[in-house]
């Protein structure tokens, strides 16, 4: 049986010279507050970051029901994980 838990993910982005975005390593955080703090710091390094909330399936390691919580700096119009 699957067990779903709430997780918070931070996806940093860097804008490339040609104008598109390069996603960097996805970071998982235990709370929304810590995800926002991480995104603020990563935004200063990479130029942009998005905080997502999601349900994680402990059995499969997959994510579902992802929702954008906050955007910082320059990020894609429709960010995806």
C-alpha atoms as a PDB file:
ATOM      1  CA  UNK A   1       0.000   0.000   0.000  1.00  0.00           C
ATOM      2  CA  UNK A   2       1.297   3.450  -0.912  1.00  0.00           C
ATOM      3  CA  UNK A   3       1.921   6.050   1.727  1.00  0.00           C
ATOM      4  CA  UNK A   4       1.807   9.671   0.559  1.00  0.00           C
ATOM      5  CA  UNK A   5       3.570  12.465   2.404  1.00  0.00           C
ATOM      6  CA  UNK A   6       3.781  16.204   1.781  1.00  0.00           C
ATOM      7  CA  UNK A   7       7.119  17.415   0.425  1.00  0.00           C
ATOM      8  CA  UNK A   8       8.460  20.762  -0.727  1.00  0.00           C
ATOM      9  CA  UNK A   9      10.740  20.985  -3.732  1.00  0.00           C
ATOM     10  CA  UNK A  10      12.952  23.809  -4.954  1.00  0.00           C
ATOM     11  CA  UNK A  11      13.918  23.951  -8.628  1.00  0.00           C
ATOM     12  CA  UNK A  12      16.648  26.503  -9.396  1.00  0.00           C
ATOM     13  CA  UNK A  13      16.936  27.907 -12.930  1.00  0.00           C
ATOM     14  CA  UNK A  14      19.643  29.771 -14.795  1.00  0.00           C
ATOM     15  CA  UNK A  15      18.809  31.880 -17.861  1.00  0.00           C
ATOM     16  CA  UNK A  16      21.177  30.980 -20.704  1.00  0.00           C
ATOM     17  CA  UNK A  17      22.646  33.464 -23.185  1.00  0.00           C
ATOM     18  CA  UNK A  18      20.254  32.270 -25.888  1.00  0.00           C
ATOM     19  CA  UNK A  19      17.290  33.146 -23.640  1.00  0.00           C
ATOM     20  CA  UNK A  20      15.982  29.781 -22.493  1.00  0.00           C
ATOM     21  CA  UNK A  21      16.266  28.341 -18.976  1.00  0.00           C
ATOM     22  CA  UNK A  22      18.539  25.619 -17.641  1.00  0.00           C
ATOM     23  CA  UNK A  23      17.148  23.737 -14.611  1.00  0.00           C
ATOM     24  CA  UNK A  24      19.691  22.801 -11.961  1.00  0.00           C
ATOM     25  CA  UNK A  25      19.557  20.122  -9.259  1.00  0.00           C
ATOM     26  CA  UNK A  26      16.142  19.750  -7.612  1.00  0.00           C
ATOM     27  CA  UNK A  27      16.283  20.214  -3.831  1.00  0.00           C
ATOM     28  CA  UNK A  28      13.804  18.625  -1.396  1.00  0.00           C
ATOM     29  CA  UNK A  29      12.982  20.435   1.867  1.00  0.00           C
ATOM     30  CA  UNK A  30      10.878  19.299   4.864  1.00  0.00           C
ATOM     31  CA  UNK A  31       8.783  22.477   5.232  1.00  0.00           C
ATOM     32  CA  UNK A  32       7.463  25.297   3.084  1.00  0.00           C
ATOM     33  CA  UNK A  33       9.444  27.797   5.156  1.00  0.00           C
ATOM     34  CA  UNK A  34      12.742  25.993   4.565  1.00  0.00           C
ATOM     35  CA  UNK A  35      11.922  25.622   0.854  1.00  0.00           C
ATOM     36  CA  UNK A  36      11.289  29.372   0.538  1.00  0.00           C
ATOM     37  CA  UNK A  37      14.559  30.137   2.341  1.00  0.00           C
ATOM     38  CA  UNK A  38      16.450  27.760   0.031  1.00  0.00           C
ATOM     39  CA  UNK A  39      14.806  29.254  -3.053  1.00  0.00           C
ATOM     40  CA  UNK A  40      15.782  32.779  -1.997  1.00  0.00           C
ATOM     41  CA  UNK A  41      19.424  31.708  -1.671  1.00  0.00           C
ATOM     42  CA  UNK A  42      19.441  29.683  -4.895  1.00  0.00           C
ATOM     43  CA  UNK A  43      17.878  32.622  -6.724  1.00  0.00           C
ATOM     44  CA  UNK A  44      20.909  34.740  -5.826  1.00  0.00           C
ATOM     45  CA  UNK A  45      23.235  32.032  -7.191  1.00  0.00           C
ATOM     46  CA  UNK A  46      21.367  30.924 -10.334  1.00  0.00           C
ATOM     47  CA  UNK A  47      19.032  33.819 -11.097  1.00  0.00           C
ATOM     48  CA  UNK A  48      15.718  32.107 -10.380  1.00  0.00           C
ATOM     49  CA  UNK A  49      13.999  29.379  -8.378  1.00  0.00           C
ATOM     50  CA  UNK A  50      10.529  27.882  -8.007  1.00  0.00           C
ATOM     51  CA  UNK A  51       9.053  26.284  -4.868  1.00  0.00           C
ATOM     52  CA  UNK A  52       6.656  23.388  -5.465  1.00  0.00           C
ATOM     53  CA  UNK A  53       4.576  21.429  -3.005  1.00  0.00           C
ATOM     54  CA  UNK A  54       3.823  17.808  -3.853  1.00  0.00           C
ATOM     55  CA  UNK A  55       2.694  14.460  -2.546  1.00  0.00           C
ATOM     56  CA  UNK A  56       5.512  11.925  -2.473  1.00  0.00           C
ATOM     57  CA  UNK A  57       4.858   8.198  -2.643  1.00  0.00           C
ATOM     58  CA  UNK A  58       7.271   6.520  -0.232  1.00  0.00           C
ATOM     59  CA  UNK A  59       6.831   3.156  -1.968  1.00  0.00           C
ATOM     60  CA  UNK A  60       7.761   4.325  -5.463  1.00  0.00           C
ATOM     61  CA  UNK A  61       9.674   7.552  -4.834  1.00  0.00           C
ATOM     62  CA  UNK A  62       7.381   9.329  -7.291  1.00  0.00           C
ATOM     63  CA  UNK A  63       5.710  12.702  -6.923  1.00  0.00           C
ATOM     64  CA  UNK A  64       2.131  13.665  -7.685  1.00  0.00           C
ATOM     65  CA  UNK A  65      -0.152  16.661  -7.308  1.00  0.00           C
ATOM     66  CA  UNK A  66       2.675  19.177  -7.783  1.00  0.00           C
ATOM     67  CA  UNK A  67       1.682  22.798  -7.257  1.00  0.00           C
ATOM     68  CA  UNK A  68       3.742  25.979  -7.642  1.00  0.00           C
ATOM     69  CA  UNK A  69       3.910  27.789  -4.301  1.00  0.00           C
ATOM     70  CA  UNK A  70       6.345  30.654  -4.988  1.00  0.00           C
ATOM     71  CA  UNK A  71       8.582  31.970  -7.788  1.00  0.00           C
ATOM     72  CA  UNK A  72      11.790  33.956  -7.303  1.00  0.00           C
ATOM     73  CA  UNK A  73      13.765  35.839  -9.947  1.00  0.00           C
ATOM     74  CA  UNK A  74      13.747  34.780 -13.595  1.00  0.00           C
ATOM     75  CA  UNK A  75      12.023  31.442 -14.160  1.00  0.00           C
ATOM     76  CA  UNK A  76      10.121  29.809 -17.032  1.00  0.00           C
ATOM     77  CA  UNK A  77       6.549  31.036 -17.482  1.00  0.00           C
ATOM     78  CA  UNK A  78       5.244  27.504 -16.896  1.00  0.00           C
ATOM     79  CA  UNK A  79       7.857  25.721 -14.726  1.00  0.00           C
ATOM     80  CA  UNK A  80       7.747  21.943 -14.633  1.00  0.00           C
ATOM     81  CA  UNK A  81       9.515  19.393 -12.500  1.00  0.00           C
END
